[in-house]
All heavy atoms as atom14 arrays in JSON, in Angstrom:
{
  "sequence": "SPPHTKDWSEISVHSDLCVVGTLRRALSELKERLSKEIDTETKR",
  "atom14_mask": [
    [1, 1, 1, 1, 1, 1, 0, 0, 0, 0, 0, 0, 0, 0],
    [1, 1, 1, 1, 1, 1, 1, 0, 0, 0, 0, 0, 0, 0],
    [1, 1, 1, 1, 1, 1, 1, 0, 0, 0, 0, 0, 0, 0],
    [1, 1, 1, 1, 1, 1, 1, 1, 1, 1, 0, 0, 0, 0],
    [1, 1, 1, 1, 1, 1, 1, 0, 0, 0, 0, 0, 0, 0],
    [1, 1, 1, 1, 1, 1, 1, 1, 1, 0, 0, 0, 0, 0],
    [1, 1, 1, 1, 1, 1, 1, 1, 0, 0, 0, 0, 0, 0],
    [1, 1, 1, 1, 1, 1, 1, 1, 1, 1, 1, 1, 1, 1],
    [1, 1, 1, 1, 1, 1, 0, 0, 0, 0, 0, 0, 0, 0],
    [1, 1, 1, 1, 1, 1, 1, 1, 1, 0, 0, 0, 0, 0],
    [1, 1, 1, 1, 1, 1, 1, 1, 0, 0, 0, 0, 0, 0],
    [1, 1, 1, 1, 1, 1, 0, 0, 0, 0, 0, 0, 0, 0],
    [1, 1, 1, 1, 1, 1, 1, 0, 0, 0, 0, 0, 0, 0],
    [1, 1, 1, 1, 1, 1, 1, 1, 1, 1, 0, 0, 0, 0],
    [1, 1, 1, 1, 1, 1, 0, 0, 0, 0, 0, 0, 0, 0],
    [1, 1, 1, 1, 1, 1, 1, 1, 0, 0, 0, 0, 0, 0],
    [1, 1, 1, 1, 1, 1, 1, 1, 0, 0, 0, 0, 0, 0],
    [1, 1, 1, 1, 1, 1, 0, 0, 0, 0, 0, 0, 0, 0],
    [1, 1, 1, 1, 1, 1, 1, 0, 0, 0, 0, 0, 0, 0],
    [1, 1, 1, 1, 1, 1, 1, 0, 0, 0, 0, 0, 0, 0],
    [1, 1, 1, 1, 0, 0, 0, 0, 0, 0, 0, 0, 0, 0],
    [1, 1, 1, 1, 1, 1, 1, 0, 0, 0, 0, 0, 0, 0],
    [1, 1, 1, 1, 1, 1, 1, 1, 0, 0, 0, 0, 0, 0],
    [1, 1, 1, 1, 1, 1, 1, 1, 1, 1, 1, 0, 0, 0],
    [1, 1, 1, 1, 1, 1, 1, 1, 1, 1, 1, 0, 0, 0],
    [1, 1, 1, 1, 1, 0, 0, 0, 0, 0, 0, 0, 0, 0],
    [1, 1, 1, 1, 1, 1, 1, 1, 0, 0, 0, 0, 0, 0],
    [1, 1, 1, 1, 1, 1, 0, 0, 0, 0, 0, 0, 0, 0],
    [1, 1, 1, 1, 1, 1, 1, 1, 1, 0, 0, 0, 0, 0],
    [1, 1, 1, 1, 1, 1, 1, 1, 0, 0, 0, 0, 0, 0],
    [1, 1, 1, 1, 1, 1, 1, 1, 1, 0, 0, 0, 0, 0],
    [1, 1, 1, 1, 1, 1, 1, 1, 1, 0, 0, 0, 0, 0],
    [1, 1, 1, 1, 1, 1, 1, 1, 1, 1, 1, 0, 0, 0],
    [1, 1, 1, 1, 1, 1, 1, 1, 0, 0, 0, 0, 0, 0],
    [1, 1, 1, 1, 1, 1, 0, 0, 0, 0, 0, 0, 0, 0],
    [1, 1, 1, 1, 1, 1, 1, 1, 1, 0, 0, 0, 0, 0],
    [1, 1, 1, 1, 1, 1, 1, 1, 1, 0, 0, 0, 0, 0],
    [1, 1, 1, 1, 1, 1, 1, 1, 0, 0, 0, 0, 0, 0],
    [1, 1, 1, 1, 1, 1, 1, 1, 0, 0, 0, 0, 0, 0],
    [1, 1, 1, 1, 1, 1, 1, 0, 0, 0, 0, 0, 0, 0],
    [1, 1, 1, 1, 1, 1, 1, 1, 1, 0, 0, 0, 0, 0],
    [1, 1, 1, 1, 1, 1, 1, 0, 0, 0, 0, 0, 0, 0],
    [1, 1, 1, 1, 1, 1, 1, 1, 1, 0, 0, 0, 0, 0],
    [1, 1, 1, 1, 1, 1, 1, 1, 1, 1, 1, 0, 0, 0]
  ],
  "atom14_positions": [
    [[-25.11, -9.85, -31.26], [-24.61, -9.47, -29.94], [-25.12, -8.09, -29.59], [-25.22, -7.22, -30.45], [-23.09, -9.5, -29.91], [-22.56, -8.62, -30.87], [0.0, 0.0, 0.0], [0.0, 0.0, 0.0], [0.0, 0.0, 0.0], [0.0, 0.0, 0.0], [0.0, 0.0, 0.0], [0.0, 0.0, 0.0], [0.0, 0.0, 0.0], [0.0, 0.0, 0.0]],
    [[-25.48, -7.9, -28.34], [-26.0, -6.62, -27.92], [-24.95, -5.54, -28.06], [-23.76, -5.82, -28.11], [-26.37, -6.85, -26.45], [-26.38, -8.3, -26.28], [-25.44, -8.86, -27.29], [0.0, 0.0, 0.0], [0.0, 0.0, 0.0], [0.0, 0.0, 0.0], [0.0, 0.0, 0.0], [0.0, 0.0, 0.0], [0.0, 0.0, 0.0], [0.0, 0.0, 0.0]],
    [[-25.39, -4.2, -28.12], [-24.42, -3.09, -28.15], [-23.54, -3.1, -26.92], [-23.89, -3.65, -25.87], [-25.32, -1.85, -28.2], [-26.66, -2.32, -28.6], [-26.77, -3.74, -28.13], [0.0, 0.0, 0.0], [0.0, 0.0, 0.0], [0.0, 0.0, 0.0], [0.0, 0.0, 0.0], [0.0, 0.0, 0.0], [0.0, 0.0, 0.0], [0.0, 0.0, 0.0]],
    [[-22.35, -2.49, -27.01], [-21.42, -2.41, -25.89], [-22.02, -1.56, -24.77], [-22.43, -0.42, -24.99], [-20.09, -1.79, -26.34], [-19.11, -1.6, -25.19], [-18.48, -2.69, -24.6], [-18.69, -0.5, -24.56], [-17.7, -2.23, -23.63], [-17.8, -0.89, -23.59], [0.0, 0.0, 0.0], [0.0, 0.0, 0.0], [0.0, 0.0, 0.0], [0.0, 0.0, 0.0]],
    [[-22.15, -2.16, -23.59], [-22.69, -1.45, -22.44], [-21.82, -1.69, -21.21], [-21.02, -2.62, -21.17], [-24.12, -1.95, -22.12], [-24.08, -3.38, -21.91], [-25.06, -1.61, -23.27], [0.0, 0.0, 0.0], [0.0, 0.0, 0.0], [0.0, 0.0, 0.0], [0.0, 0.0, 0.0], [0.0, 0.0, 0.0], [0.0, 0.0, 0.0], [0.0, 0.0, 0.0]],
    [[-22.0, -0.81, -20.23], [-21.27, -0.97, -18.97], [-21.88, -2.08, -18.13], [-23.03, -2.47, -18.31], [-21.31, 0.34, -18.16], [-20.6, 1.52, -18.8], [-20.7, 2.74, -17.88], [-20.03, 3.95, -18.51], [-20.17, 5.15, -17.64], [0.0, 0.0, 0.0], [0.0, 0.0, 0.0], [0.0, 0.0, 0.0], [0.0, 0.0, 0.0], [0.0, 0.0, 0.0]],
    [[-21.1, -2.58, -17.2], [-21.62, -3.51, -16.18], [-22.07, -2.65, -15.0], [-21.26, -2.13, -14.24], [-20.54, -4.5, -15.75], [-21.06, -5.47, -14.7], [-22.27, -5.44, -14.41], [-20.25, -6.25, -14.16], [0.0, 0.0, 0.0], [0.0, 0.0, 0.0], [0.0, 0.0, 0.0], [0.0, 0.0, 0.0], [0.0, 0.0, 0.0], [0.0, 0.0, 0.0]],
    [[-23.37, -2.5, -14.87], [-23.93, -1.61, -13.84], [-24.19, -2.32, -12.51], [-24.66, -1.7, -11.56], [-25.24, -1.01, -14.34], [-25.04, -0.02, -15.44], [-25.07, -0.27, -16.78], [-24.76, 1.38, -15.31], [-24.82, 0.87, -17.48], [-24.64, 1.92, -16.62], [-24.6, 2.24, -14.22], [-24.37, 3.25, -16.85], [-24.34, 3.58, -14.47], [-24.22, 4.07, -15.77]],
    [[-23.88, -3.62, -12.45], [-24.23, -4.37, -11.25], [-23.5, -3.87, -10.0], [-24.01, -3.97, -8.89], [-23.94, -5.86, -11.47], [-22.56, -6.05, -11.77], [0.0, 0.0, 0.0], [0.0, 0.0, 0.0], [0.0, 0.0, 0.0], [0.0, 0.0, 0.0], [0.0, 0.0, 0.0], [0.0, 0.0, 0.0], [0.0, 0.0, 0.0], [0.0, 0.0, 0.0]],
    [[-22.29, -3.35, -10.18], [-21.5, -2.9, -9.02], [-21.55, -1.39, -8.83], [-20.92, -0.85, -7.92], [-20.03, -3.34, -9.21], [-19.83, -4.85, -9.27], [-20.25, -5.55, -7.99], [-20.12, -4.95, -6.92], [-20.74, -6.7, -8.08], [0.0, 0.0, 0.0], [0.0, 0.0, 0.0], [0.0, 0.0, 0.0], [0.0, 0.0, 0.0], [0.0, 0.0, 0.0]],
    [[-22.27, -0.69, -9.71], [-22.32, 0.77, -9.63], [-23.57, 1.19, -8.86], [-24.67, 0.75, -9.18], [-22.32, 1.4, -11.03], [-21.02, 1.05, -11.75], [-22.48, 2.92, -10.94], [-20.95, 1.59, -13.16], [0.0, 0.0, 0.0], [0.0, 0.0, 0.0], [0.0, 0.0, 0.0], [0.0, 0.0, 0.0], [0.0, 0.0, 0.0], [0.0, 0.0, 0.0]],
    [[-23.4, 1.99, -7.84], [-24.52, 2.47, -7.06], [-24.19, 3.86, -6.53], [-23.04, 4.28, -6.5], [-24.84, 1.51, -5.91], [-23.69, 1.35, -5.08], [0.0, 0.0, 0.0], [0.0, 0.0, 0.0], [0.0, 0.0, 0.0], [0.0, 0.0, 0.0], [0.0, 0.0, 0.0], [0.0, 0.0, 0.0], [0.0, 0.0, 0.0], [0.0, 0.0, 0.0]],
    [[-25.21, 4.55, -6.14], [-25.04, 5.89, -5.58], [-25.48, 5.86, -4.13], [-26.64, 5.58, -3.84], [-25.87, 6.92, -6.37], [-25.72, 8.3, -5.74], [-25.42, 6.96, -7.82], [0.0, 0.0, 0.0], [0.0, 0.0, 0.0], [0.0, 0.0, 0.0], [0.0, 0.0, 0.0], [0.0, 0.0, 0.0], [0.0, 0.0, 0.0], [0.0, 0.0, 0.0]],
    [[-24.55, 6.08, -3.23], [-24.84, 6.05, -1.8], [-25.04, 7.46, -1.28], [-24.49, 8.43, -1.8], [-23.69, 5.4, -1.03], [-23.39, 4.0, -1.47], [-24.07, 2.91, -0.99], [-22.5, 3.52, -2.37], [-23.6, 1.81, -1.56], [-22.65, 2.16, -2.41], [0.0, 0.0, 0.0], [0.0, 0.0, 0.0], [0.0, 0.0, 0.0], [0.0, 0.0, 0.0]],
    [[-25.83, 7.56, -0.24], [-25.95, 8.85, 0.42], [-24.6, 9.23, 1.01], [-23.88, 8.4, 1.55], [-27.01, 8.76, 1.53], [-26.67, 7.75, 2.46], [0.0, 0.0, 0.0], [0.0, 0.0, 0.0], [0.0, 0.0, 0.0], [0.0, 0.0, 0.0], [0.0, 0.0, 0.0], [0.0, 0.0, 0.0], [0.0, 0.0, 0.0], [0.0, 0.0, 0.0]],
    [[-24.22, 10.48, 0.84], [-22.88, 10.92, 1.18], [-22.71, 10.97, 2.7], [-23.51, 11.58, 3.42], [-22.62, 12.3, 0.58], [-21.14, 12.54, 0.39], [-20.37, 11.94, 1.15], [-20.78, 13.32, -0.51], [0.0, 0.0, 0.0], [0.0, 0.0, 0.0], [0.0, 0.0, 0.0], [0.0, 0.0, 0.0], [0.0, 0.0, 0.0], [0.0, 0.0, 0.0]],
    [[-21.65, 10.29, 3.18], [-21.34, 10.28, 4.61], [-20.62, 11.54, 5.05], [-20.56, 11.84, 6.24], [-20.48, 9.06, 4.95], [-21.05, 7.69, 4.54], [-20.02, 6.62, 4.81], [-22.33, 7.41, 5.3], [0.0, 0.0, 0.0], [0.0, 0.0, 0.0], [0.0, 0.0, 0.0], [0.0, 0.0, 0.0], [0.0, 0.0, 0.0], [0.0, 0.0, 0.0]],
    [[-20.05, 12.27, 4.08], [-19.19, 13.4, 4.44], [-19.95, 14.5, 5.16], [-19.38, 15.24, 5.96], [-18.52, 13.96, 3.19], [-17.42, 12.77, 2.39], [0.0, 0.0, 0.0], [0.0, 0.0, 0.0], [0.0, 0.0, 0.0], [0.0, 0.0, 0.0], [0.0, 0.0, 0.0], [0.0, 0.0, 0.0], [0.0, 0.0, 0.0], [0.0, 0.0, 0.0]],
    [[-21.27, 14.63, 4.86], [-22.01, 15.72, 5.5], [-22.09, 15.51, 7.0], [-21.96, 16.44, 7.8], [-23.41, 15.83, 4.89], [-23.33, 16.32, 3.47], [-24.14, 14.5, 4.94], [0.0, 0.0, 0.0], [0.0, 0.0, 0.0], [0.0, 0.0, 0.0], [0.0, 0.0, 0.0], [0.0, 0.0, 0.0], [0.0, 0.0, 0.0], [0.0, 0.0, 0.0]],
    [[-22.27, 14.24, 7.4], [-22.3, 13.94, 8.84], [-20.92, 14.15, 9.45], [-20.77, 14.74, 10.52], [-22.8, 12.5, 9.08], [-22.83, 12.2, 10.57], [-24.17, 12.32, 8.46], [0.0, 0.0, 0.0], [0.0, 0.0, 0.0], [0.0, 0.0, 0.0], [0.0, 0.0, 0.0], [0.0, 0.0, 0.0], [0.0, 0.0, 0.0], [0.0, 0.0, 0.0]],
    [[-19.9, 13.65, 8.76], [-18.54, 13.8, 9.28], [-18.11, 15.25, 9.37], [-17.4, 15.66, 10.3], [0.0, 0.0, 0.0], [0.0, 0.0, 0.0], [0.0, 0.0, 0.0], [0.0, 0.0, 0.0], [0.0, 0.0, 0.0], [0.0, 0.0, 0.0], [0.0, 0.0, 0.0], [0.0, 0.0, 0.0], [0.0, 0.0, 0.0], [0.0, 0.0, 0.0]],
    [[-18.54, 16.05, 8.39], [-18.19, 17.48, 8.41], [-18.8, 18.17, 9.62], [-18.13, 18.97, 10.3], [-18.68, 18.15, 7.11], [-18.11, 17.48, 6.0], [-18.3, 19.61, 7.08], [0.0, 0.0, 0.0], [0.0, 0.0, 0.0], [0.0, 0.0, 0.0], [0.0, 0.0, 0.0], [0.0, 0.0, 0.0], [0.0, 0.0, 0.0], [0.0, 0.0, 0.0]],
    [[-20.06, 17.85, 9.88], [-20.7, 18.45, 11.05], [-20.01, 17.99, 12.34], [-19.79, 18.78, 13.27], [-22.18, 18.07, 11.07], [-22.98, 18.54, 12.29], [-22.89, 20.06, 12.45], [-24.43, 18.1, 12.17], [0.0, 0.0, 0.0], [0.0, 0.0, 0.0], [0.0, 0.0, 0.0], [0.0, 0.0, 0.0], [0.0, 0.0, 0.0], [0.0, 0.0, 0.0]],
    [[-19.67, 16.7, 12.37], [-18.98, 16.19, 13.57], [-17.65, 16.91, 13.79], [-17.31, 17.28, 14.92], [-18.76, 14.69, 13.41], [-17.95, 14.08, 14.55], [-17.95, 12.55, 14.47], [-17.49, 12.08, 13.18], [-16.2, 11.99, 12.84], [-15.25, 12.4, 13.68], [-15.85, 11.54, 11.65], [0.0, 0.0, 0.0], [0.0, 0.0, 0.0], [0.0, 0.0, 0.0]],
    [[-16.89, 17.1, 12.72], [-15.6, 17.79, 12.88], [-15.78, 19.25, 13.29], [-14.98, 19.79, 14.07], [-14.82, 17.68, 11.57], [-14.3, 16.29, 11.29], [-13.34, 16.29, 10.12], [-13.99, 16.68, 8.88], [-14.61, 15.84, 8.07], [-14.66, 14.54, 8.38], [-15.18, 16.27, 6.96], [0.0, 0.0, 0.0], [0.0, 0.0, 0.0], [0.0, 0.0, 0.0]],
    [[-16.82, 19.88, 12.72], [-17.07, 21.27, 13.1], [-17.4, 21.4, 14.58], [-16.94, 22.34, 15.27], [-18.2, 21.84, 12.25], [0.0, 0.0, 0.0], [0.0, 0.0, 0.0], [0.0, 0.0, 0.0], [0.0, 0.0, 0.0], [0.0, 0.0, 0.0], [0.0, 0.0, 0.0], [0.0, 0.0, 0.0], [0.0, 0.0, 0.0], [0.0, 0.0, 0.0]],
    [[-18.18, 20.45, 15.05], [-18.52, 20.49, 16.47], [-17.3, 20.2, 17.35], [-17.16, 20.75, 18.46], [-19.63, 19.49, 16.77], [-21.01, 19.81, 16.14], [-21.98, 18.67, 16.4], [-21.55, 21.11, 16.69], [0.0, 0.0, 0.0], [0.0, 0.0, 0.0], [0.0, 0.0, 0.0], [0.0, 0.0, 0.0], [0.0, 0.0, 0.0], [0.0, 0.0, 0.0]],
    [[-16.43, 19.3, 16.85], [-15.24, 18.96, 17.63], [-14.32, 20.17, 17.83], [-13.65, 20.29, 18.87], [-14.47, 17.83, 16.95], [-15.27, 16.68, 16.91], [0.0, 0.0, 0.0], [0.0, 0.0, 0.0], [0.0, 0.0, 0.0], [0.0, 0.0, 0.0], [0.0, 0.0, 0.0], [0.0, 0.0, 0.0], [0.0, 0.0, 0.0], [0.0, 0.0, 0.0]],
    [[-14.3, 21.06, 16.85], [-13.46, 22.26, 16.95], [-13.94, 23.2, 18.05], [-13.18, 24.01, 18.59], [-13.44, 23.0, 15.6], [-12.76, 22.22, 14.5], [-12.88, 22.88, 13.15], [-13.56, 23.94, 13.09], [-12.31, 22.35, 12.18], [0.0, 0.0, 0.0], [0.0, 0.0, 0.0], [0.0, 0.0, 0.0], [0.0, 0.0, 0.0], [0.0, 0.0, 0.0]],
    [[-15.23, 23.09, 18.38], [-15.79, 23.93, 19.44], [-15.83, 23.22, 20.8], [-16.4, 23.74, 21.77], [-17.22, 24.35, 19.06], [-17.38, 25.14, 17.75], [-18.85, 25.33, 17.44], [-16.65, 26.46, 17.82], [0.0, 0.0, 0.0], [0.0, 0.0, 0.0], [0.0, 0.0, 0.0], [0.0, 0.0, 0.0], [0.0, 0.0, 0.0], [0.0, 0.0, 0.0]],
    [[-15.25, 22.04, 20.83], [-15.39, 21.21, 22.02], [-14.8, 21.87, 23.27], [-15.31, 21.68, 24.38], [-14.71, 19.87, 21.77], [-14.9, 18.87, 22.92], [-14.28, 17.52, 22.56], [-14.49, 16.53, 23.7], [-13.92, 15.2, 23.37], [0.0, 0.0, 0.0], [0.0, 0.0, 0.0], [0.0, 0.0, 0.0], [0.0, 0.0, 0.0], [0.0, 0.0, 0.0]],
    [[-13.72, 22.63, 23.09], [-13.04, 23.24, 24.24], [-13.97, 24.19, 24.99], [-13.97, 24.23, 26.22], [-11.79, 23.98, 23.76], [-10.96, 24.56, 24.9], [-9.67, 25.17, 24.4], [-9.41, 25.06, 23.18], [-8.97, 25.77, 25.21], [0.0, 0.0, 0.0], [0.0, 0.0, 0.0], [0.0, 0.0, 0.0], [0.0, 0.0, 0.0], [0.0, 0.0, 0.0]],
    [[-14.77, 24.95, 24.26], [-15.69, 25.89, 24.91], [-17.04, 25.28, 25.21], [-17.74, 25.7, 26.11], [-15.87, 27.13, 24.02], [-14.66, 28.03, 23.94], [-14.98, 29.27, 23.13], [-15.35, 28.95, 21.76], [-16.02, 29.78, 20.97], [-16.43, 30.95, 21.44], [-16.29, 29.43, 19.73], [0.0, 0.0, 0.0], [0.0, 0.0, 0.0], [0.0, 0.0, 0.0]],
    [[-17.44, 24.31, 24.38], [-18.79, 23.76, 24.5], [-18.72, 22.24, 24.65], [-19.38, 21.5, 23.94], [-19.61, 24.12, 23.27], [-19.63, 25.6, 22.88], [-20.14, 25.74, 21.46], [-20.48, 26.4, 23.83], [0.0, 0.0, 0.0], [0.0, 0.0, 0.0], [0.0, 0.0, 0.0], [0.0, 0.0, 0.0], [0.0, 0.0, 0.0], [0.0, 0.0, 0.0]],
    [[-17.85, 21.77, 25.55], [-17.55, 20.33, 25.64], [-18.79, 19.49, 25.91], [-18.95, 18.43, 25.3], [-16.5, 20.09, 26.74], [-16.98, 20.58, 27.99], [0.0, 0.0, 0.0], [0.0, 0.0, 0.0], [0.0, 0.0, 0.0], [0.0, 0.0, 0.0], [0.0, 0.0, 0.0], [0.0, 0.0, 0.0], [0.0, 0.0, 0.0], [0.0, 0.0, 0.0]],
    [[-19.65, 19.92, 26.78], [-20.81, 19.1, 27.11], [-21.75, 18.95, 25.92], [-22.17, 17.83, 25.56], [-21.55, 19.72, 28.28], [-22.74, 18.87, 28.74], [-23.4, 19.49, 29.96], [-24.6, 18.65, 30.41], [-25.27, 19.21, 31.6], [0.0, 0.0, 0.0], [0.0, 0.0, 0.0], [0.0, 0.0, 0.0], [0.0, 0.0, 0.0], [0.0, 0.0, 0.0]],
    [[-22.1, 20.1, 25.27], [-23.0, 20.05, 24.12], [-22.37, 19.28, 22.94], [-23.03, 18.47, 22.28], [-23.34, 21.47, 23.68], [-24.18, 22.26, 24.66], [-23.31, 22.96, 25.71], [-22.11, 22.62, 25.82], [-23.83, 23.85, 26.4], [0.0, 0.0, 0.0], [0.0, 0.0, 0.0], [0.0, 0.0, 0.0], [0.0, 0.0, 0.0], [0.0, 0.0, 0.0]],
    [[-21.06, 19.54, 22.72], [-20.39, 18.88, 21.6], [-20.28, 17.38, 21.82], [-20.49, 16.59, 20.89], [-18.99, 19.48, 21.4], [-19.1, 20.94, 20.97], [-18.21, 18.7, 20.34], [-19.82, 21.17, 19.68], [0.0, 0.0, 0.0], [0.0, 0.0, 0.0], [0.0, 0.0, 0.0], [0.0, 0.0, 0.0], [0.0, 0.0, 0.0], [0.0, 0.0, 0.0]],
    [[-19.96, 16.95, 23.05], [-19.84, 15.51, 23.33], [-21.15, 14.78, 23.06], [-21.18, 13.69, 22.47], [-19.4, 15.29, 24.78], [-17.94, 15.65, 25.0], [-17.22, 15.78, 23.98], [-17.53, 15.81, 26.16], [0.0, 0.0, 0.0], [0.0, 0.0, 0.0], [0.0, 0.0, 0.0], [0.0, 0.0, 0.0], [0.0, 0.0, 0.0], [0.0, 0.0, 0.0]],
    [[-22.24, 15.36, 23.48], [-23.55, 14.73, 23.3], [-23.91, 14.62, 21.81], [-24.33, 13.57, 21.31], [-24.63, 15.52, 24.04], [-24.31, 15.57, 25.44], [-25.99, 14.86, 23.86], [0.0, 0.0, 0.0], [0.0, 0.0, 0.0], [0.0, 0.0, 0.0], [0.0, 0.0, 0.0], [0.0, 0.0, 0.0], [0.0, 0.0, 0.0], [0.0, 0.0, 0.0]],
    [[-23.73, 15.76, 21.08], [-24.1, 15.76, 19.67], [-23.17, 14.88, 18.84], [-23.6, 14.2, 17.92], [-24.07, 17.2, 19.15], [-24.62, 17.37, 17.75], [-26.1, 17.05, 17.64], [-26.79, 17.01, 18.69], [-26.57, 16.81, 16.52], [0.0, 0.0, 0.0], [0.0, 0.0, 0.0], [0.0, 0.0, 0.0], [0.0, 0.0, 0.0], [0.0, 0.0, 0.0]],
    [[-21.86, 14.9, 19.2], [-20.9, 14.09, 18.45], [-21.21, 12.6, 18.59], [-21.13, 11.84, 17.61], [-19.48, 14.37, 18.94], [-19.17, 15.74, 18.74], [-18.47, 13.53, 18.18], [0.0, 0.0, 0.0], [0.0, 0.0, 0.0], [0.0, 0.0, 0.0], [0.0, 0.0, 0.0], [0.0, 0.0, 0.0], [0.0, 0.0, 0.0], [0.0, 0.0, 0.0]],
    [[-21.58, 12.18, 19.78], [-21.89, 10.77, 19.98], [-23.09, 10.35, 19.13], [-23.08, 9.28, 18.5], [-22.19, 10.52, 21.46], [-22.5, 9.07, 21.78], [-22.76, 8.88, 23.26], [-23.08, 7.41, 23.56], [-23.35, 7.2, 25.0], [0.0, 0.0, 0.0], [0.0, 0.0, 0.0], [0.0, 0.0, 0.0], [0.0, 0.0, 0.0], [0.0, 0.0, 0.0]],
    [[-24.1, 11.19, 19.07], [-25.29, 10.87, 18.27], [-24.96, 10.79, 16.79], [-25.39, 9.87, 16.07], [-26.37, 11.92, 18.5], [-27.7, 11.59, 17.81], [-28.69, 12.72, 18.0], [-28.29, 13.88, 17.23], [-28.55, 14.03, 15.94], [-29.17, 13.07, 15.27], [-28.19, 15.12, 15.3], [0.0, 0.0, 0.0], [0.0, 0.0, 0.0], [0.0, 0.0, 0.0]]
  ]
}
């Protein structure tokens, strides 16, 4: 029997979504003063 190993079929490394979300939240905080610029960038 082979040595004890992990099941790697379900393990993967995804690109982190938090960086996009962090930028979006940062822009949202400035929305009151920069609503037009923030709305456009947030949508993208």
